[in-house]
Amino acid sequence: MGPERCWVIVGTSSGSFVAAMVRGNALDLGTLVGDTHTVEEAETWLSGHIYRRGRPQGLLRWVRRGLLPGMMSPNLSFVLGSPGLYHTSGLEEWVRNSIGSLADSWPSRPTVIPAYDLEARRRIAFGTEGAPDINLASAVAASSAVPFVYEPVRLDGRWYIDGGVASGTSADLVLARSEPLDLLIVIAPLAASDSRPGTRFYEDMFDRAGRTALAAELQRIRDEWPSTDVLVLRPDDRVLARSRPNPMATDAAIPSFLTTLRSMRDELARSANWSVLQRHLAGDDEAAA
């Protein structure tokens, strides 16, 4: 099931980068590490693109849009609009260098990149009708602007942050399609099924929120598209051990990537999942990722 078979792609946060690479036919290890030859070179290369140092600013923005509302109703609102040590220009450059002119336009096949509008306090799905008309590289930057790590991204006079604030998957956005999909594959890295020994304090919090949001989205999909096959891929213990101690660590990127490939291979090979895939691989059905 190659990228050309993915009729709809929804990519949030780091998934937005993956979505751009899939549509640009550039999702491979070379995209991840560039023209490097050692682990140390690869880590330096990644740091240069992921961690472009900025000047933390926007304290008043954070107080107005995050801190005060969060005090009135304690939840993730606390982080909205917070200043960050880094800016997303390196991510935009990475996208442009990887997929060329597509970065300054939009894929011809349905591609959705969710971000979070700070002023409207709601999810914005770039690539859908009614959303601001921006280019793919800018959408990836906005969707990836993790609070406290990156400065919010300003596009056409509005501030945007990581789309994961609203949902780690935004799987329900596929319902905008007029016809049901035959197969939906949901990759949910922040919705692990179980806790693991030695977990960091934030892991269970993120996973509980991720599972709750995903369950609601999947229920909507099953209600509206009862005939659609749905496969949900979650991180196993191997992936969690590699990626969770510091999800933003560049020295964990390559091991996490390779471990995830092995984990997904094993998960897809399970008889229940493989039987579903076989039905679709054997025919000409459309698929979404």
C-alpha atoms as a PDB file:
ATOM      1  CA  MET A   1       0.000   0.000   0.000  1.00  0.00           C
ATOM      2  CA  GLY A   2       2.131   2.860  -1.296  1.00  0.00           C
ATOM      3  CA  PRO A   3       1.636   6.593  -0.732  1.00  0.00           C
ATOM      4  CA  GLU A   4      -0.331   6.885  -3.980  1.00  0.00           C
ATOM      5  CA  ARG A   5      -3.003   4.614  -2.439  1.00  0.00           C
ATOM      6  CA  CYS A   6      -3.571   6.996   0.485  1.00  0.00           C
ATOM      7  CA  TRP A   7      -6.628   8.909  -0.634  1.00  0.00           C
ATOM      8  CA  VAL A   8      -6.762  11.119   2.463  1.00  0.00           C
ATOM      9  CA  ILE A   9      -3.896  11.934   4.822  1.00  0.00           C
ATOM     10  CA  VAL A  10      -4.382  13.762   8.124  1.00  0.00           C
ATOM     11  CA  GLY A  11      -1.137  14.656   9.896  1.00  0.00           C
ATOM     12  CA  THR A  12      -0.874  16.430  13.241  1.00  0.00           C
ATOM     13  CA  SER A  13       2.273  17.859  14.880  1.00  0.00           C
ATOM     14  CA  SER A  14       5.205  15.597  13.900  1.00  0.00           C
ATOM     15  CA  GLY A  15       2.633  13.712  11.826  1.00  0.00           C
ATOM     16  CA  SER A  16       2.239  16.835   9.688  1.00  0.00           C
ATOM     17  CA  PHE A  17       5.896  16.504   8.679  1.00  0.00           C
ATOM     18  CA  VAL A  18       5.299  12.840   7.826  1.00  0.00           C
ATOM     19  CA  ALA A  19       2.231  13.815   5.786  1.00  0.00           C
ATOM     20  CA  ALA A  20       4.279  16.332   3.805  1.00  0.00           C
ATOM     21  CA  MET A  21       7.015  13.762   3.167  1.00  0.00           C
ATOM     22  CA  VAL A  22       4.504  11.142   2.012  1.00  0.00           C
ATOM     23  CA  ARG A  23       2.857  13.559  -0.406  1.00  0.00           C
ATOM     24  CA  GLY A  24       6.290  14.658  -1.629  1.00  0.00           C
ATOM     25  CA  ASN A  25       7.445  11.036  -2.021  1.00  0.00           C
ATOM     26  CA  ALA A  26      10.333  11.771   0.341  1.00  0.00           C
ATOM     27  CA  LEU A  27       9.606   9.633   3.396  1.00  0.00           C
ATOM     28  CA  ASP A  28      12.840   7.708   3.928  1.00  0.00           C
ATOM     29  CA  LEU A  29      15.814   7.582   6.276  1.00  0.00           C
ATOM     30  CA  GLY A  30      17.707  10.059   4.093  1.00  0.00           C
ATOM     31  CA  THR A  31      15.044  12.675   4.774  1.00  0.00           C
ATOM     32  CA  LEU A  32      15.533  12.136   8.488  1.00  0.00           C
ATOM     33  CA  VAL A  33      19.337  12.399   8.616  1.00  0.00           C
ATOM     34  CA  GLY A  34      20.321  14.288   5.452  1.00  0.00           C
ATOM     35  CA  ASP A  35      23.726  13.732   3.889  1.00  0.00           C
ATOM     36  CA  THR A  36      25.421  12.524   7.065  1.00  0.00           C
ATOM     37  CA  HIS A  37      27.651   9.516   7.704  1.00  0.00           C
ATOM     38  CA  THR A  38      27.910   9.140  11.479  1.00  0.00           C
ATOM     39  CA  VAL A  39      25.466   9.197  14.362  1.00  0.00           C
ATOM     40  CA  GLU A  40      27.091  12.367  15.687  1.00  0.00           C
ATOM     41  CA  GLU A  41      26.717  14.115  12.323  1.00  0.00           C
ATOM     42  CA  ALA A  42      23.083  13.053  12.092  1.00  0.00           C
ATOM     43  CA  GLU A  43      22.301  14.400  15.564  1.00  0.00           C
ATOM     44  CA  THR A  44      23.949  17.727  14.720  1.00  0.00           C
ATOM     45  CA  TRP A  45      22.028  17.900  11.445  1.00  0.00           C
ATOM     46  CA  LEU A  46      18.722  17.200  13.194  1.00  0.00           C
ATOM     47  CA  SER A  47      19.416  19.748  15.933  1.00  0.00           C
ATOM     48  CA  GLY A  48      20.109  22.407  13.317  1.00  0.00           C
ATOM     49  CA  HIS A  49      16.659  21.913  11.807  1.00  0.00           C
ATOM     50  CA  ILE A  50      14.607  21.173  14.906  1.00  0.00           C
ATOM     51  CA  TYR A  51      16.177  23.602  17.370  1.00  0.00           C
ATOM     52  CA  ARG A  52      16.642  26.984  15.722  1.00  0.00           C
ATOM     53  CA  ARG A  53      17.250  29.255  18.664  1.00  0.00           C
ATOM     54  CA  GLY A  54      14.807  32.109  19.023  1.00  0.00           C
ATOM     55  CA  ARG A  55      14.237  34.892  21.512  1.00  0.00           C
ATOM     56  CA  PRO A  56      11.415  34.006  23.921  1.00  0.00           C
ATOM     57  CA  GLN A  57       8.725  36.647  23.690  1.00  0.00           C
ATOM     58  CA  GLY A  58       4.994  37.039  23.932  1.00  0.00           C
ATOM     59  CA  LEU A  59       4.575  36.986  27.714  1.00  0.00           C
ATOM     60  CA  LEU A  60       1.457  39.175  27.490  1.00  0.00           C
ATOM     61  CA  ARG A  61       0.083  36.886  24.760  1.00  0.00           C
ATOM     62  CA  TRP A  62       0.535  33.896  27.063  1.00  0.00           C
ATOM     63  CA  VAL A  63      -1.097  35.639  30.047  1.00  0.00           C
ATOM     64  CA  ARG A  64      -4.129  36.669  27.981  1.00  0.00           C
ATOM     65  CA  ARG A  65      -4.636  33.514  25.938  1.00  0.00           C
ATOM     66  CA  GLY A  66      -3.287  30.810  28.204  1.00  0.00           C
ATOM     67  CA  LEU A  67      -2.432  31.573  31.808  1.00  0.00           C
ATOM     68  CA  LEU A  68      -5.542  33.491  32.886  1.00  0.00           C
ATOM     69  CA  PRO A  69      -8.074  31.233  31.113  1.00  0.00           C
ATOM     70  CA  GLY A  70      -6.195  28.216  32.474  1.00  0.00           C
ATOM     71  CA  MET A  71      -6.483  29.508  36.027  1.00  0.00           C
ATOM     72  CA  MET A  72     -10.244  29.890  35.632  1.00  0.00           C
ATOM     73  CA  SER A  73     -10.646  26.381  34.217  1.00  0.00           C
ATOM     74  CA  PRO A  74      -7.489  24.332  34.874  1.00  0.00           C
ATOM     75  CA  ASN A  75      -6.557  22.221  31.848  1.00  0.00           C
ATOM     76  CA  LEU A  76      -4.147  22.400  28.927  1.00  0.00           C
ATOM     77  CA  SER A  77      -5.177  26.055  28.483  1.00  0.00           C
ATOM     78  CA  PHE A  78      -2.218  26.922  30.719  1.00  0.00           C
ATOM     79  CA  VAL A  79       0.201  26.235  27.866  1.00  0.00           C
ATOM     80  CA  LEU A  80      -1.619  28.100  25.106  1.00  0.00           C
ATOM     81  CA  GLY A  81       0.482  30.870  23.605  1.00  0.00           C
ATOM     82  CA  SER A  82       3.436  30.292  25.912  1.00  0.00           C
ATOM     83  CA  PRO A  83       6.831  31.678  24.855  1.00  0.00           C
ATOM     84  CA  GLY A  84       9.312  29.160  23.443  1.00  0.00           C
ATOM     85  CA  LEU A  85      13.084  28.910  23.219  1.00  0.00           C
ATOM     86  CA  TYR A  86      13.035  27.927  19.549  1.00  0.00           C
ATOM     87  CA  HIS A  87      11.279  28.865  16.336  1.00  0.00           C
ATOM     88  CA  THR A  88      10.052  26.676  13.506  1.00  0.00           C
ATOM     89  CA  SER A  89      12.029  28.139  10.590  1.00  0.00           C
ATOM     90  CA  GLY A  90      14.290  25.085  10.604  1.00  0.00           C
ATOM     91  CA  LEU A  91      11.287  22.792  10.160  1.00  0.00           C
ATOM     92  CA  GLU A  92      10.043  24.881   7.244  1.00  0.00           C
ATOM     93  CA  GLU A  93      13.487  24.777   5.643  1.00  0.00           C
ATOM     94  CA  TRP A  94      13.604  21.001   6.145  1.00  0.00           C
ATOM     95  CA  VAL A  95      10.263  20.586   4.368  1.00  0.00           C
ATOM     96  CA  ARG A  96      11.298  22.816   1.476  1.00  0.00           C
ATOM     97  CA  ASN A  97      14.639  21.090   1.001  1.00  0.00           C
ATOM     98  CA  SER A  98      12.943  17.685   1.075  1.00  0.00           C
ATOM     99  CA  ILE A  99       9.961  18.135  -1.234  1.00  0.00           C
ATOM    100  CA  GLY A 100      10.864  21.180  -3.338  1.00  0.00           C
ATOM    101  CA  SER A 101       8.150  23.337  -4.894  1.00  0.00           C
ATOM    102  CA  LEU A 102       5.330  21.329  -3.293  1.00  0.00           C
ATOM    103  CA  ALA A 103       6.276  22.970   0.023  1.00  0.00           C
ATOM    104  CA  ASP A 104       5.078  26.339  -1.286  1.00  0.00           C
ATOM    105  CA  SER A 105       1.773  25.001  -2.594  1.00  0.00           C
ATOM    106  CA  TRP A 106      -0.556  22.191  -1.524  1.00  0.00           C
ATOM    107  CA  PRO A 107      -0.816  18.520  -2.559  1.00  0.00           C
ATOM    108  CA  SER A 108      -3.373  17.693  -5.241  1.00  0.00           C
ATOM    109  CA  ARG A 109      -4.678  14.740  -3.217  1.00  0.00           C
ATOM    110  CA  PRO A 110      -6.644  15.464  -0.015  1.00  0.00           C
ATOM    111  CA  THR A 111      -4.161  16.384   2.727  1.00  0.00           C
ATOM    112  CA  VAL A 112      -5.173  17.879   6.072  1.00  0.00           C
ATOM    113  CA  ILE A 113      -2.815  19.522   8.586  1.00  0.00           C
ATOM    114  CA  PRO A 114      -4.485  20.491  11.898  1.00  0.00           C
ATOM    115  CA  ALA A 115      -3.160  23.348  14.046  1.00  0.00           C
ATOM    116  CA  TYR A 116      -4.697  25.298  16.928  1.00  0.00           C
ATOM    117  CA  ASP A 117      -5.837  28.920  16.531  1.00  0.00           C
ATOM    118  CA  LEU A 118      -4.972  30.761  19.761  1.00  0.00           C
ATOM    119  CA  GLU A 119      -7.464  33.585  19.345  1.00  0.00           C
ATOM    120  CA  ALA A 120     -10.405  31.444  18.241  1.00  0.00           C
ATOM    121  CA  ARG A 121      -9.335  28.718  20.716  1.00  0.00           C
ATOM    122  CA  ARG A 122     -10.198  25.954  18.297  1.00  0.00           C
ATOM    123  CA  ARG A 123      -8.675  23.485  15.893  1.00  0.00           C
ATOM    124  CA  ILE A 124      -8.021  24.689  12.362  1.00  0.00           C
ATOM    125  CA  ALA A 125      -7.693  22.061   9.644  1.00  0.00           C
ATOM    126  CA  PHE A 126      -5.442  23.485   6.931  1.00  0.00           C
ATOM    127  CA  GLY A 127      -6.240  21.928   3.580  1.00  0.00           C
ATOM    128  CA  THR A 128     -10.016  21.920   4.139  1.00  0.00           C
ATOM    129  CA  GLU A 129     -12.707  24.288   2.925  1.00  0.00           C
ATOM    130  CA  GLY A 130     -13.014  27.352   5.113  1.00  0.00           C
ATOM    131  CA  ALA A 131      -9.468  27.110   6.500  1.00  0.00           C
ATOM    132  CA  PRO A 132      -6.923  29.842   5.735  1.00  0.00           C
ATOM    133  CA  ASP A 133      -5.141  29.328   2.414  1.00  0.00           C
ATOM    134  CA  ILE A 134      -1.481  28.775   3.305  1.00  0.00           C
ATOM    135  CA  ASN A 135       1.341  26.665   1.908  1.00  0.00           C
ATOM    136  CA  LEU A 136       2.316  23.199   3.092  1.00  0.00           C
ATOM    137  CA  ALA A 137       5.598  24.199   4.768  1.00  0.00           C
ATOM    138  CA  SER A 138       3.871  26.890   6.845  1.00  0.00           C
ATOM    139  CA  ALA A 139       1.114  24.481   7.844  1.00  0.00           C
ATOM    140  CA  VAL A 140       3.697  21.962   9.070  1.00  0.00           C
ATOM    141  CA  ALA A 141       5.428  24.676  11.104  1.00  0.00           C
ATOM    142  CA  ALA A 142       2.163  25.794  12.710  1.00  0.00           C
ATOM    143  CA  SER A 143       1.015  22.256  13.470  1.00  0.00           C
ATOM    144  CA  SER A 144       4.392  21.433  15.055  1.00  0.00           C
ATOM    145  CA  ALA A 145       4.749  24.484  17.334  1.00  0.00           C
ATOM    146  CA  VAL A 146       4.846  22.602  20.651  1.00  0.00           C
ATOM    147  CA  PRO A 147       4.038  24.949  23.583  1.00  0.00           C
ATOM    148  CA  PHE A 148       7.028  25.996  25.721  1.00  0.00           C
ATOM    149  CA  VAL A 149       9.385  24.545  23.098  1.00  0.00           C
ATOM    150  CA  TYR A 150       8.523  26.653  20.036  1.00  0.00           C
ATOM    151  CA  GLU A 151       7.224  30.149  19.630  1.00  0.00           C
ATOM    152  CA  PRO A 152       3.669  30.173  18.232  1.00  0.00           C
ATOM    153  CA  VAL A 153       3.572  30.643  14.464  1.00  0.00           C
ATOM    154  CA  ARG A 154       1.951  33.790  13.073  1.00  0.00           C
ATOM    155  CA  LEU A 155       0.166  33.372   9.729  1.00  0.00           C
ATOM    156  CA  ASP A 156      -1.989  36.058   8.126  1.00  0.00           C
ATOM    157  CA  GLY A 157      -2.239  37.935  11.428  1.00  0.00           C
ATOM    158  CA  ARG A 158      -3.231  34.949  13.586  1.00  0.00           C
ATOM    159  CA  TRP A 159      -1.241  32.840  16.046  1.00  0.00           C
ATOM    160  CA  TYR A 160      -1.140  29.058  15.767  1.00  0.00           C
ATOM    161  CA  ILE A 161       0.347  26.285  17.878  1.00  0.00           C
ATOM    162  CA  ASP A 162       0.679  22.502  17.804  1.00  0.00           C
ATOM    163  CA  GLY A 163      -2.477  20.788  16.532  1.00  0.00           C
ATOM    164  CA  GLY A 164      -1.965  18.111  19.188  1.00  0.00           C
ATOM    165  CA  VAL A 165      -3.383  20.535  21.771  1.00  0.00           C
ATOM    166  CA  ALA A 166      -6.809  19.705  20.331  1.00  0.00           C
ATOM    167  CA  SER A 167      -6.175  16.066  19.393  1.00  0.00           C
ATOM    168  CA  GLY A 168      -3.163  13.855  18.794  1.00  0.00           C
ATOM    169  CA  THR A 169      -4.795  12.265  15.752  1.00  0.00           C
ATOM    170  CA  SER A 170      -7.765  14.376  14.535  1.00  0.00           C
ATOM    171  CA  ALA A 171      -8.980  11.185  12.864  1.00  0.00           C
ATOM    172  CA  ASP A 172     -12.534  12.536  12.680  1.00  0.00           C
ATOM    173  CA  LEU A 173     -11.483  15.021   9.995  1.00  0.00           C
ATOM    174  CA  VAL A 174     -11.676  12.263   7.385  1.00  0.00           C
ATOM    175  CA  LEU A 175     -15.465  12.535   7.723  1.00  0.00           C
ATOM    176  CA  ALA A 176     -15.331  15.705   5.629  1.00  0.00           C
ATOM    177  CA  ARG A 177     -15.008  13.405   2.627  1.00  0.00           C
ATOM    178  CA  SER A 178     -18.354  12.944   0.875  1.00  0.00           C
ATOM    179  CA  GLU A 179     -17.910   9.189   0.420  1.00  0.00           C
ATOM    180  CA  PRO A 180     -16.764   6.735   3.116  1.00  0.00           C
ATOM    181  CA  LEU A 181     -13.280   5.338   2.921  1.00  0.00           C
ATOM    182  CA  ASP A 182     -12.788   1.594   2.744  1.00  0.00           C
ATOM    183  CA  LEU A 183      -9.844   1.514   5.149  1.00  0.00           C
ATOM    184  CA  LEU A 184      -8.661   3.954   7.798  1.00  0.00           C
ATOM    185  CA  ILE A 185      -5.245   3.513   9.459  1.00  0.00           C
ATOM    186  CA  VAL A 186      -4.768   5.648  12.568  1.00  0.00           C
ATOM    187  CA  ILE A 187      -1.269   6.044  14.031  1.00  0.00           C
ATOM    188  CA  ALA A 188      -1.671   7.198  17.647  1.00  0.00           C
ATOM    189  CA  PRO A 189       1.722   7.716  19.348  1.00  0.00           C
ATOM    190  CA  LEU A 190       0.181   9.590  22.302  1.00  0.00           C
ATOM    191  CA  ALA A 191      -2.563   7.092  23.038  1.00  0.00           C
ATOM    192  CA  ALA A 192      -0.651   4.104  24.404  1.00  0.00           C
ATOM    193  CA  SER A 193      -2.921   1.361  25.704  1.00  0.00           C
ATOM    194  CA  ASP A 194      -1.152   0.724  28.993  1.00  0.00           C
ATOM    195  CA  SER A 195       1.280   2.384  31.385  1.00  0.00           C
ATOM    196  CA  ARG A 196       4.852   1.137  31.418  1.00  0.00           C
ATOM    197  CA  PRO A 197       7.224   0.733  34.370  1.00  0.00           C
ATOM    198  CA  GLY A 198       9.321   3.802  35.142  1.00  0.00           C
ATOM    199  CA  THR A 199       7.039   6.145  33.228  1.00  0.00           C
ATOM    200  CA  ARG A 200       7.615   9.922  33.405  1.00  0.00           C
ATOM    201  CA  PHE A 201       4.962  11.945  35.219  1.00  0.00           C
ATOM    202  CA  TYR A 202       3.572  13.408  32.002  1.00  0.00           C
ATOM    203  CA  GLU A 203       3.177  10.150  30.054  1.00  0.00           C
ATOM    204  CA  ASP A 204      -0.023   8.859  31.648  1.00  0.00           C
ATOM    205  CA  MET A 205      -1.562  12.329  31.453  1.00  0.00           C
ATOM    206  CA  PHE A 206      -0.901  12.609  27.711  1.00  0.00           C
ATOM    207  CA  ASP A 207      -1.961   9.030  27.034  1.00  0.00           C
ATOM    208  CA  ARG A 208      -5.228   9.362  28.958  1.00  0.00           C
ATOM    209  CA  ALA A 209      -6.074  12.549  27.056  1.00  0.00           C
ATOM    210  CA  GLY A 210      -5.044  10.923  23.796  1.00  0.00           C
ATOM    211  CA  ARG A 211      -7.111   7.799  24.399  1.00  0.00           C
ATOM    212  CA  THR A 212     -10.183   9.852  25.351  1.00  0.00           C
ATOM    213  CA  ALA A 213      -9.977  12.062  22.254  1.00  0.00           C
ATOM    214  CA  LEU A 214      -9.265   9.130  19.961  1.00  0.00           C
ATOM    215  CA  ALA A 215     -12.145   7.056  21.373  1.00  0.00           C
ATOM    216  CA  ALA A 216     -14.582   9.892  20.673  1.00  0.00           C
ATOM    217  CA  GLU A 217     -13.233  10.321  17.136  1.00  0.00           C
ATOM    218  CA  LEU A 218     -13.403   6.602  16.372  1.00  0.00           C
ATOM    219  CA  GLN A 219     -16.957   6.434  17.672  1.00  0.00           C
ATOM    220  CA  ARG A 220     -17.986   9.242  15.307  1.00  0.00           C
ATOM    221  CA  ILE A 221     -16.325   7.444  12.395  1.00  0.00           C
ATOM    222  CA  ARG A 222     -18.006   4.136  13.209  1.00  0.00           C
ATOM    223  CA  ASP A 223     -21.380   5.842  13.588  1.00  0.00           C
ATOM    224  CA  GLU A 224     -21.132   7.635  10.235  1.00  0.00           C
ATOM    225  CA  TRP A 225     -19.075   5.073   8.287  1.00  0.00           C
ATOM    226  CA  PRO A 226     -20.083   1.696   9.768  1.00  0.00           C
ATOM    227  CA  SER A 227     -18.614  -0.265   6.848  1.00  0.00           C
ATOM    228  CA  THR A 228     -15.141   1.302   7.071  1.00  0.00           C
ATOM    229  CA  ASP A 229     -12.369  -0.953   8.379  1.00  0.00           C
ATOM    230  CA  VAL A 230     -10.322   0.842  11.055  1.00  0.00           C
ATOM    231  CA  LEU A 231      -6.836  -0.151  12.208  1.00  0.00           C
ATOM    232  CA  VAL A 232      -5.310   1.741  15.149  1.00  0.00           C
ATOM    233  CA  LEU A 233      -1.540   1.481  15.617  1.00  0.00           C
ATOM    234  CA  ARG A 234      -0.254   2.460  19.065  1.00  0.00           C
ATOM    235  CA  PRO A 235       3.326   2.488  20.419  1.00  0.00           C
ATOM    236  CA  ASP A 236       4.472  -0.700  22.121  1.00  0.00           C
ATOM    237  CA  ASP A 237       6.904  -0.942  25.033  1.00  0.00           C
ATOM    238  CA  ARG A 238       9.924  -0.910  22.711  1.00  0.00           C
ATOM    239  CA  VAL A 239       8.879   2.373  21.126  1.00  0.00           C
ATOM    240  CA  LEU A 240       7.893   3.939  24.448  1.00  0.00           C
ATOM    241  CA  ALA A 241      11.266   3.066  25.991  1.00  0.00           C
ATOM    242  CA  ARG A 242      13.054   4.794  23.114  1.00  0.00           C
ATOM    243  CA  SER A 243      10.897   7.845  22.616  1.00  0.00           C
ATOM    244  CA  ARG A 244       9.226   8.815  25.876  1.00  0.00           C
ATOM    245  CA  PRO A 245      12.137   9.805  28.182  1.00  0.00           C
ATOM    246  CA  ASN A 246      12.570  12.938  26.043  1.00  0.00           C
ATOM    247  CA  PRO A 247      10.300  13.042  22.973  1.00  0.00           C
ATOM    248  CA  MET A 248      12.230  16.013  21.536  1.00  0.00           C
ATOM    249  CA  ALA A 249      15.723  14.517  21.950  1.00  0.00           C
ATOM    250  CA  THR A 250      17.598  14.418  18.637  1.00  0.00           C
ATOM    251  CA  ASP A 251      19.805  11.545  19.787  1.00  0.00           C
ATOM    252  CA  ALA A 252      16.669   9.422  20.186  1.00  0.00           C
ATOM    253  CA  ALA A 253      15.242  10.238  16.741  1.00  0.00           C
ATOM    254  CA  ILE A 254      16.970   7.554  14.684  1.00  0.00           C
ATOM    255  CA  PRO A 255      16.614   4.744  17.270  1.00  0.00           C
ATOM    256  CA  SER A 256      12.947   5.697  17.726  1.00  0.00           C
ATOM    257  CA  PHE A 257      12.381   5.718  13.966  1.00  0.00           C
ATOM    258  CA  LEU A 258      13.916   2.282  13.462  1.00  0.00           C
ATOM    259  CA  THR A 259      12.196   0.813  16.508  1.00  0.00           C
ATOM    260  CA  THR A 260       8.859   2.189  15.298  1.00  0.00           C
ATOM    261  CA  LEU A 261       9.333   0.520  11.914  1.00  0.00           C
ATOM    262  CA  ARG A 262       9.924  -2.823  13.615  1.00  0.00           C
ATOM    263  CA  SER A 263       6.965  -2.300  15.932  1.00  0.00           C
ATOM    264  CA  MET A 264       4.597  -1.404  13.087  1.00  0.00           C
ATOM    265  CA  ARG A 265       5.789  -4.392  11.047  1.00  0.00           C
ATOM    266  CA  ASP A 266       4.990  -6.696  13.959  1.00  0.00           C
ATOM    267  CA  GLU A 267       1.641  -5.039  14.624  1.00  0.00           C
ATOM    268  CA  LEU A 268       0.520  -5.204  10.997  1.00  0.00           C
ATOM    269  CA  ALA A 269       1.617  -8.846  10.791  1.00  0.00           C
ATOM    270  CA  ARG A 270      -0.793  -9.866  13.553  1.00  0.00           C
ATOM    271  CA  SER A 271      -3.433 -12.153  12.060  1.00  0.00           C
ATOM    272  CA  ALA A 272      -6.380  -9.868  12.859  1.00  0.00           C
ATOM    273  CA  ASN A 273      -4.696  -6.836  11.263  1.00  0.00           C
ATOM    274  CA  TRP A 274      -3.123  -8.684   8.358  1.00  0.00           C
ATOM    275  CA  SER A 275      -6.449 -10.206   7.340  1.00  0.00           C
ATOM    276  CA  VAL A 276      -7.911  -6.700   7.077  1.00  0.00           C
ATOM    277  CA  LEU A 277      -4.955  -5.446   5.035  1.00  0.00           C
ATOM    278  CA  GLN A 278      -5.098  -8.437   2.716  1.00  0.00           C
ATOM    279  CA  ARG A 279      -8.672  -7.652   1.744  1.00  0.00           C
ATOM    280  CA  HIS A 280      -7.680  -4.162   0.670  1.00  0.00           C
ATOM    281  CA  LEU A 281      -4.312  -4.994  -0.856  1.00  0.00           C
ATOM    282  CA  ALA A 282      -5.988  -7.580  -3.048  1.00  0.00           C
ATOM    283  CA  GLY A 283      -8.384  -5.087  -4.592  1.00  0.00           C
ATOM    284  CA  ASP A 284      -8.438  -1.550  -5.890  1.00  0.00           C
ATOM    285  CA  ASP A 285     -10.008  -0.023  -2.796  1.00  0.00           C
ATOM    286  CA  GLU A 286      -9.062   3.458  -1.676  1.00  0.00           C
ATOM    287  CA  ALA A 287      -7.252   3.861   1.634  1.00  0.00           C
ATOM    288  CA  ALA A 288      -6.497   6.601   4.097  1.00  0.00           C
ATOM    289  CA  ALA A 289      -3.588   7.021   6.503  1.00  0.00           C
END
